[in-house]
Amino acid sequence: MAFKIKTESVKDKQKEKTRKQLQEENEALAAQVTDLQMALCDVYELAAAMTGGNGNG
């Protein structure tokens, strides 16, 4: 009977992110993207107002 020796340590396993941690990080990044998009819309509208554009954004 042959035995297989595991090469993964508990410390290495603890470094891996759990599904919940990844989801939380993803949600935080999605919120940042939304904030960035809103800021870019504001910049676009400001630039359009300054140049006399109609700003259909």
Protein backbone atom coordinates (compact mmCIF):
# COMPACT_ATOMS: atom_id res chain seq x y z
CA MET A 1 0.00 0.00 0.00
CA ALA A 2 1.51 3.34 -1.11
CA PHE A 3 1.07 6.57 0.76
CA LYS A 4 0.99 9.99 -0.85
CA ILE A 5 2.77 12.73 1.05
CA LYS A 6 1.04 16.10 1.01
CA THR A 7 3.31 18.97 0.13
CA GLU A 8 0.82 21.70 1.07
CA SER A 9 1.26 23.20 4.48
CA VAL A 10 -1.44 24.60 6.70
CA LYS A 11 0.27 27.99 6.49
CA ASP A 12 0.02 27.96 2.69
CA LYS A 13 -3.65 27.01 2.83
CA GLN A 14 -4.39 29.86 5.24
CA LYS A 15 -2.94 32.32 2.73
CA GLU A 16 -5.55 31.36 0.14
CA LYS A 17 -8.58 33.60 0.02
CA THR A 18 -11.94 32.06 0.74
CA ARG A 19 -14.87 32.42 -1.60
CA LYS A 20 -16.50 34.85 0.84
CA GLN A 21 -13.36 37.01 0.99
CA LEU A 22 -13.16 37.11 -2.80
CA GLN A 23 -16.83 38.07 -3.06
CA GLU A 24 -16.41 40.88 -0.53
CA GLU A 25 -13.37 42.17 -2.40
CA ASN A 26 -15.28 41.98 -5.69
CA GLU A 27 -18.21 43.96 -4.27
CA ALA A 28 -15.85 46.64 -2.92
CA LEU A 29 -14.14 46.92 -6.31
CA ALA A 30 -17.50 47.14 -8.08
CA ALA A 31 -18.48 50.04 -5.81
CA GLN A 32 -15.20 51.78 -6.64
CA VAL A 33 -15.84 51.34 -10.36
CA THR A 34 -19.31 52.86 -9.99
CA ASP A 35 -17.87 55.83 -8.09
CA LEU A 36 -15.24 56.30 -10.79
CA GLN A 37 -17.85 56.18 -13.55
CA MET A 38 -19.95 58.80 -11.77
CA ALA A 39 -16.90 61.02 -11.35
CA LEU A 40 -16.07 60.70 -15.04
CA CYS A 41 -19.63 61.67 -15.93
CA ASP A 42 -19.27 64.78 -13.78
CA VAL A 43 -16.00 65.67 -15.52
CA TYR A 44 -17.60 65.14 -18.92
CA GLU A 45 -20.58 67.33 -18.06
CA LEU A 46 -18.31 70.04 -16.67
CA ALA A 47 -16.12 69.97 -19.79
CA ALA A 48 -19.19 70.05 -22.04
CA ALA A 49 -20.58 73.05 -20.15
CA MET A 50 -17.27 74.88 -20.41
CA THR A 51 -16.97 74.30 -24.15
CA GLY A 52 -20.58 75.07 -24.96
CA GLY A 53 -21.44 71.47 -25.79
CA ASN A 54 -24.92 70.18 -25.16
CA GLY A 55 -23.70 67.41 -22.80
CA ASN A 56 -26.09 64.62 -23.72
CA GLY A 57 -24.53 62.30 -21.13
